[in-house]
Protein backbone atom coordinates (compact mmCIF):
# COMPACT_ATOMS: atom_id res chain seq x y z
CA MET A 1 101.11 92.55 97.45
CA TYR A 2 100.79 88.93 98.61
CA THR A 3 101.06 85.68 96.67
CA LEU A 4 99.16 82.50 97.51
CA LEU A 5 102.29 81.33 99.32
CA THR A 6 102.14 84.42 101.50
CA ILE A 7 98.47 83.90 102.26
CA SER A 8 99.03 80.27 103.23
CA GLY A 9 102.00 81.38 105.33
CA LEU A 10 99.81 83.83 107.21
CA VAL A 11 97.32 81.10 107.99
CA ALA A 12 99.94 78.48 108.90
CA GLY A 13 101.97 80.95 110.95
CA ALA A 14 98.96 82.04 112.95
CA SER A 15 98.47 78.86 114.97
CA ALA A 16 97.99 79.79 118.63
CA GLN A 17 97.20 83.29 117.46
CA SER A 18 94.31 84.44 115.29
CA THR A 19 93.85 84.93 111.60
CA ALA A 20 92.78 88.18 110.02
CA PRO A 21 91.40 89.08 106.61
CA LEU A 22 94.16 89.88 104.15
CA GLU A 23 93.00 93.48 103.85
CA VAL A 24 93.52 93.92 107.60
CA VAL A 25 97.07 92.55 107.42
CA ASN A 26 97.87 94.65 104.34
CA SER A 27 96.45 97.75 106.02
CA ALA A 28 98.63 97.26 109.12
CA ILE A 29 101.79 96.57 107.11
CA THR A 30 101.19 99.59 104.88
CA ALA A 31 100.65 101.80 107.95
CA VAL A 32 103.87 100.55 109.59
CA ASN A 33 105.90 101.17 106.44
CA ASP A 34 104.38 104.64 106.05
CA LEU A 35 105.36 105.42 109.63
CA GLY A 36 108.89 104.19 108.95
CA LYS A 37 109.21 106.36 105.84
CA GLN A 38 108.31 109.45 107.87
CA VAL A 39 110.89 108.64 110.53
CA VAL A 40 113.58 107.99 107.91
CA LEU A 41 112.85 111.51 106.63
CA GLY A 42 113.63 112.81 110.13
CA LYS A 43 110.03 113.33 111.20
CA TYR A 44 110.47 111.63 114.56
CA LYS A 45 107.50 113.43 116.08
CA VAL A 46 105.24 111.31 113.87
CA ALA A 47 106.30 108.27 115.92
CA MET A 48 105.03 109.95 119.08
CA ASP A 49 101.87 111.27 117.45
CA ARG A 50 100.92 107.80 116.23
CA MET A 51 101.83 105.96 119.42
CA TYR A 52 99.11 103.79 120.96
CA PRO A 53 97.37 106.20 123.39
CA GLN A 54 97.52 104.02 126.50
CA TRP A 55 101.23 103.30 125.93
CA LYS A 56 101.95 107.00 125.33
CA GLU A 57 100.13 107.83 128.55
CA ARG A 58 102.23 105.27 130.42
CA LEU A 59 105.53 106.57 128.98
CA SER A 60 104.48 110.15 129.65
CA SER A 61 103.70 109.29 133.26
CA ARG A 62 107.13 107.71 133.69
CA ALA A 63 108.84 110.68 132.04
CA GLY A 64 106.98 113.32 134.06
CA GLY A 65 104.44 114.45 131.51
CA GLU A 66 103.82 114.40 127.77
CA ALA A 67 105.80 117.59 127.25
CA VAL A 68 108.82 115.97 128.91
CA LEU A 69 108.39 112.88 126.75
CA ALA A 70 108.26 115.04 123.63
CA LYS A 71 111.44 116.78 124.76
CA GLN A 72 113.13 113.41 125.17
CA PHE A 73 112.25 112.60 121.56
CA GLU A 74 113.76 115.92 120.46
CA ASN A 75 116.91 115.31 122.49
CA MET A 76 117.29 111.83 121.02
CA THR A 77 117.05 113.27 117.51
CA ALA A 78 119.58 115.99 118.33
CA GLU A 79 121.99 113.48 119.86
CA MET A 80 121.80 111.26 116.78
CA THR A 81 122.58 114.24 114.56
CA LYS A 82 125.44 115.31 116.82
CA GLN A 83 126.97 111.84 116.63
CA GLY A 84 126.57 111.71 112.86
CA THR A 85 124.00 108.94 113.04
CA SER A 86 121.17 108.83 110.55
CA MET A 87 118.44 106.36 109.71
CA VAL A 88 118.79 105.27 106.09
CA SER A 89 116.06 102.67 105.63
CA PHE A 90 113.09 101.02 107.27
CA LYS A 91 110.95 98.13 106.11
CA SER A 92 108.72 95.39 107.41
CA TYR A 93 109.48 91.78 106.59
CA GLY A 94 108.16 88.29 107.20
CA PHE A 95 104.70 87.45 108.46
CA PRO A 96 102.95 89.34 111.28
CA LYS A 97 101.51 87.55 114.26
CA VAL A 98 97.82 88.39 114.59
CA TYR A 99 95.77 88.64 117.77
CA GLU A 100 92.24 89.74 118.58
CA VAL A 101 92.12 91.82 121.76
CA TYR A 102 90.05 94.24 123.82
CA PRO A 103 86.95 92.29 124.87
CA GLY A 104 83.61 93.96 124.26
CA LYS A 105 79.96 93.06 123.76
CA LYS A 106 77.72 92.84 120.76
CA VAL A 107 73.93 92.63 120.81
CA GLU A 108 72.27 90.64 118.03
CA THR A 109 68.71 89.61 117.33
CA VAL A 110 68.39 85.82 117.23
CA ASP A 111 64.96 84.26 116.70
CA GLY A 112 63.39 87.57 117.61
CA LYS A 113 65.32 87.88 120.87
CA GLN A 114 68.15 90.23 121.83
CA VAL A 115 71.25 88.13 122.49
CA GLU A 116 74.44 89.59 123.95
CA THR A 117 77.72 87.98 122.89
CA LEU A 118 81.31 88.68 123.87
CA ILE A 119 83.63 89.80 121.07
CA ASN A 120 87.12 91.23 120.66
CA THR A 121 86.95 94.75 119.28
CA LYS A 122 90.57 95.37 118.19
CA TRP A 123 93.21 93.81 115.98
CA LEU A 124 96.76 93.61 117.34
CA LEU A 125 99.57 92.64 114.98
CA LEU A 126 103.25 92.06 115.77
CA ILE A 127 105.05 93.19 112.63
CA PRO A 128 108.80 92.40 112.27
CA THR A 129 110.84 95.36 111.00
CA GLU A 130 114.36 96.01 109.74
CA THR A 131 115.96 99.42 110.26
CA ARG A 132 119.38 100.50 109.03
CA TYR A 133 121.43 103.35 110.50
CA ARG A 134 124.56 104.98 109.15
CA LEU A 135 127.13 106.19 111.67
CA MET A 136 130.76 107.24 111.89
CA LYS A 137 133.20 105.33 114.09
CA ASP A 138 136.94 105.99 114.13
CA ARG A 139 136.56 107.94 110.88
CA GLU A 140 134.95 104.93 109.27
CA GLN A 141 131.38 104.87 108.03
CA LEU A 142 129.38 101.94 109.36
CA VAL A 143 125.88 100.69 108.66
CA ILE A 144 124.07 99.04 111.56
CA GLU A 145 121.06 96.84 110.91
CA SER A 146 118.49 96.51 113.67
CA LYS A 147 115.85 93.79 113.58
CA GLY A 148 112.88 94.65 115.74
CA PHE A 149 109.12 94.92 115.54
CA GLN A 150 106.18 97.26 115.79
CA VAL A 151 102.92 96.47 117.55
CA ALA A 152 100.07 97.75 115.38
CA VAL A 153 96.66 98.21 117.02
CA ALA A 154 93.36 99.28 115.48
CA ASP A 155 89.64 99.07 116.11
CA LYS A 156 88.16 96.41 113.88
CA ASP A 157 85.56 98.78 112.48
CA LYS A 158 88.00 101.59 111.63
CA LEU A 159 91.51 100.22 110.88
CA VAL A 160 93.16 103.46 111.98
CA TRP A 161 96.46 102.13 113.28
CA SER A 162 98.51 103.27 116.24
CA PHE A 163 101.81 101.74 117.29
CA ILE A 164 104.05 100.54 120.09
CA ASP A 165 107.74 100.21 119.32
CA GLY A 166 109.07 96.79 120.28
CA SER A 167 112.36 98.04 121.74
CA GLY A 168 112.46 96.97 125.37
CA LEU A 169 108.86 95.79 125.26
CA THR A 170 107.91 92.67 127.23
CA VAL A 171 104.99 90.27 127.09
CA GLN A 172 104.02 91.60 130.51
CA ASP A 173 103.89 95.15 129.14
CA LEU A 174 101.50 94.09 126.41
CA ARG A 175 99.34 91.89 128.63
CA SER A 176 98.93 94.72 131.11
CA MET A 177 97.12 96.63 128.34
CA PHE A 178 95.56 93.67 126.51
CA ILE A 179 94.68 91.08 129.12
CA SER A 180 93.34 88.55 126.61
CA LEU A 181 96.79 87.98 125.09
CA PRO A 182 98.22 84.54 125.92
CA LYS A 183 100.80 84.33 128.68
CA ASP A 184 103.06 82.17 126.54
CA MET A 185 103.05 84.44 123.49
CA GLU A 186 106.44 85.05 121.89
CA LEU A 187 107.59 88.42 120.66
CA PRO A 188 109.60 88.78 117.42
CA GLU A 189 113.36 88.59 117.79
CA ILE A 190 115.35 91.77 118.39
CA LYS A 191 118.98 91.81 117.23
CA ARG A 192 121.59 94.12 115.76
CA ARG A 193 124.53 93.63 113.44
CA SER A 194 127.07 95.61 111.49
CA VAL A 195 126.37 95.18 107.78
CA PRO A 196 129.51 94.00 105.90
CA SER A 197 130.70 96.37 103.18
CA GLU A 198 130.49 93.63 100.55
CA GLU A 199 126.81 93.23 101.32
CA LEU A 200 126.23 96.97 100.96
CA ASN A 201 127.93 97.01 97.57
CA LYS A 202 125.66 94.35 96.08
């Protein structure tokens, strides 16, 4: 999946963050794209099912319970359908930012003695994404492109990924769950644009 240029880009782009083995990065990117494919197919519940548990708990608390949050997802889907809006594509792009989070302890035997060391137990990757929606406006069909990101989190020993959507997410939100993240970290850019028809016809 990655060329040598990509590998060097991951290393060079990770200054002030961490580096991760290529299989970890590939695993996270594959999981994000698989999630996107399910949502494009209209399986929006998958996004909630695979949400990072602590973030889901927080959103559920704000909404008034997990059942209410699930209903909000259903209503959002219904509203999109009512307005003639549909998701037509989803993909990751660029290089993820990699962080090691969730401090823990590891006990090792060194020179016959049990030594306890501090380690980070989870990988956290910020993966830029591009989503395109088709909608009707004034009897004209438009395609809107949304650049955003997904936060992918997994235990280092399992690589079973859960996600936080980057829409409306702040550094403070992330640091409240992962206190070891740097205060000056930068989140991927979020922007939207209407895709010109000539670009669609290429």
